[in-house]
C-alpha atoms as a PDB file:
ATOM      1  CA  UNK A   1       2.679 -41.933  42.004  1.00  0.00           C
ATOM      2  CA  UNK A   2      -0.578 -40.340  43.182  1.00  0.00           C
ATOM      3  CA  UNK A   3      -1.811 -36.790  42.660  1.00  0.00           C
ATOM      4  CA  UNK A   4      -0.408 -35.615  45.990  1.00  0.00           C
ATOM      5  CA  UNK A   5       3.111 -36.569  44.880  1.00  0.00           C
ATOM      6  CA  UNK A   6       2.983 -34.843  41.509  1.00  0.00           C
ATOM      7  CA  UNK A   7       4.799 -31.587  41.051  1.00  0.00           C
ATOM      8  CA  UNK A   8       4.614 -29.845  37.678  1.00  0.00           C
ATOM      9  CA  UNK A   9       7.150 -27.244  36.680  1.00  0.00           C
ATOM     10  CA  UNK A  10       5.910 -24.614  34.296  1.00  0.00           C
ATOM     11  CA  UNK A  11       8.954 -24.992  32.044  1.00  0.00           C
ATOM     12  CA  UNK A  12       8.359 -28.723  31.509  1.00  0.00           C
ATOM     13  CA  UNK A  13       4.664 -28.114  30.891  1.00  0.00           C
ATOM     14  CA  UNK A  14       5.380 -25.426  28.283  1.00  0.00           C
ATOM     15  CA  UNK A  15       7.912 -27.696  26.539  1.00  0.00           C
ATOM     16  CA  UNK A  16       5.230 -30.399  26.267  1.00  0.00           C
ATOM     17  CA  UNK A  17       2.951 -27.864  24.556  1.00  0.00           C
ATOM     18  CA  UNK A  18       5.646 -26.829  22.099  1.00  0.00           C
ATOM     19  CA  UNK A  19       6.095 -23.393  23.672  1.00  0.00           C
ATOM     20  CA  UNK A  20       2.696 -22.159  22.414  1.00  0.00           C
ATOM     21  CA  UNK A  21       1.586 -20.671  25.720  1.00  0.00           C
ATOM     22  CA  UNK A  22       3.015 -18.231  28.213  1.00  0.00           C
ATOM     23  CA  UNK A  23       4.287 -19.977  31.343  1.00  0.00           C
ATOM     24  CA  UNK A  24       1.582 -20.300  34.022  1.00  0.00           C
ATOM     25  CA  UNK A  25       2.236 -18.255  37.149  1.00  0.00           C
ATOM     26  CA  UNK A  26       0.674 -18.171  40.575  1.00  0.00           C
ATOM     27  CA  UNK A  27      -1.543 -15.099  40.871  1.00  0.00           C
ATOM     28  CA  UNK A  28      -0.366 -14.507  44.428  1.00  0.00           C
ATOM     29  CA  UNK A  29       3.440 -14.942  44.309  1.00  0.00           C
ATOM     30  CA  UNK A  30       4.345 -15.421  40.588  1.00  0.00           C
ATOM     31  CA  UNK A  31       5.828 -18.875  41.301  1.00  0.00           C
ATOM     32  CA  UNK A  32       5.815 -21.286  38.338  1.00  0.00           C
ATOM     33  CA  UNK A  33       5.720 -24.639  40.190  1.00  0.00           C
ATOM     34  CA  UNK A  34       2.422 -26.319  41.091  1.00  0.00           C
ATOM     35  CA  UNK A  35       1.226 -29.405  42.959  1.00  0.00           C
ATOM     36  CA  UNK A  36      -1.990 -31.427  42.882  1.00  0.00           C
ATOM     37  CA  UNK A  37      -3.501 -32.574  46.177  1.00  0.00           C
ATOM     38  CA  UNK A  38      -6.617 -34.653  46.870  1.00  0.00           C
ATOM     39  CA  UNK A  39      -9.178 -32.657  48.834  1.00  0.00           C
ATOM     40  CA  UNK A  40     -12.625 -33.190  50.291  1.00  0.00           C
ATOM     41  CA  UNK A  41     -15.377 -30.592  50.278  1.00  0.00           C
ATOM     42  CA  UNK A  42     -18.147 -30.518  52.879  1.00  0.00           C
ATOM     43  CA  UNK A  43     -21.406 -31.759  51.378  1.00  0.00           C
ATOM     44  CA  UNK A  44     -19.689 -33.176  48.295  1.00  0.00           C
ATOM     45  CA  UNK A  45     -19.359 -36.957  48.033  1.00  0.00           C
ATOM     46  CA  UNK A  46     -16.745 -37.053  45.266  1.00  0.00           C
ATOM     47  CA  UNK A  47     -12.981 -36.743  45.401  1.00  0.00           C
ATOM     48  CA  UNK A  48     -11.508 -33.560  43.957  1.00  0.00           C
ATOM     49  CA  UNK A  49      -7.941 -32.486  43.276  1.00  0.00           C
ATOM     50  CA  UNK A  50      -6.768 -28.954  44.009  1.00  0.00           C
ATOM     51  CA  UNK A  51      -3.958 -27.619  41.833  1.00  0.00           C
ATOM     52  CA  UNK A  52      -2.052 -25.227  44.043  1.00  0.00           C
ATOM     53  CA  UNK A  53       1.130 -23.197  44.087  1.00  0.00           C
ATOM     54  CA  UNK A  54       4.045 -25.205  45.491  1.00  0.00           C
ATOM     55  CA  UNK A  55       5.448 -22.036  47.062  1.00  0.00           C
ATOM     56  CA  UNK A  56       2.544 -20.250  48.790  1.00  0.00           C
ATOM     57  CA  UNK A  57      -0.249 -22.859  48.567  1.00  0.00           C
ATOM     58  CA  UNK A  58      -2.745 -20.648  46.742  1.00  0.00           C
ATOM     59  CA  UNK A  59      -5.295 -22.800  44.889  1.00  0.00           C
ATOM     60  CA  UNK A  60      -5.277 -22.074  41.148  1.00  0.00           C
ATOM     61  CA  UNK A  61      -7.723 -24.749  40.005  1.00  0.00           C
ATOM     62  CA  UNK A  62      -9.912 -27.704  40.924  1.00  0.00           C
ATOM     63  CA  UNK A  63     -10.080 -30.952  38.933  1.00  0.00           C
ATOM     64  CA  UNK A  64     -12.712 -33.660  39.409  1.00  0.00           C
ATOM     65  CA  UNK A  65     -11.544 -37.265  39.616  1.00  0.00           C
ATOM     66  CA  UNK A  66     -13.920 -38.583  36.934  1.00  0.00           C
ATOM     67  CA  UNK A  67     -13.033 -42.240  37.563  1.00  0.00           C
ATOM     68  CA  UNK A  68     -13.937 -41.815  41.236  1.00  0.00           C
ATOM     69  CA  UNK A  69     -17.252 -40.137  40.343  1.00  0.00           C
ATOM     70  CA  UNK A  70     -18.223 -42.939  37.947  1.00  0.00           C
ATOM     71  CA  UNK A  71     -17.274 -45.609  40.477  1.00  0.00           C
ATOM     72  CA  UNK A  72     -19.355 -43.938  43.208  1.00  0.00           C
ATOM     73  CA  UNK A  73     -22.328 -43.600  40.875  1.00  0.00           C
ATOM     74  CA  UNK A  74     -22.078 -47.271  39.899  1.00  0.00           C
ATOM     75  CA  UNK A  75     -21.938 -48.383  43.547  1.00  0.00           C
ATOM     76  CA  UNK A  76     -24.959 -46.184  44.391  1.00  0.00           C
ATOM     77  CA  UNK A  77     -27.115 -47.984  41.800  1.00  0.00           C
END
């Protein structure tokens, strides 16, 4: 399963943390389900993943693919 296929529900995520945090919510629509999608950014040579609301698509975070960055740096040497 790749990042584009992952869908995280807030309830499952909170259970994994032992209920120590308030459930995450989308700032735009208050949805509690998120997806991660690979994205490209103009002028940036590394793969990034956008965490976005599964309901409205609002981006709530960006995560670097560290393995991809290290591989690209190694190839550039």
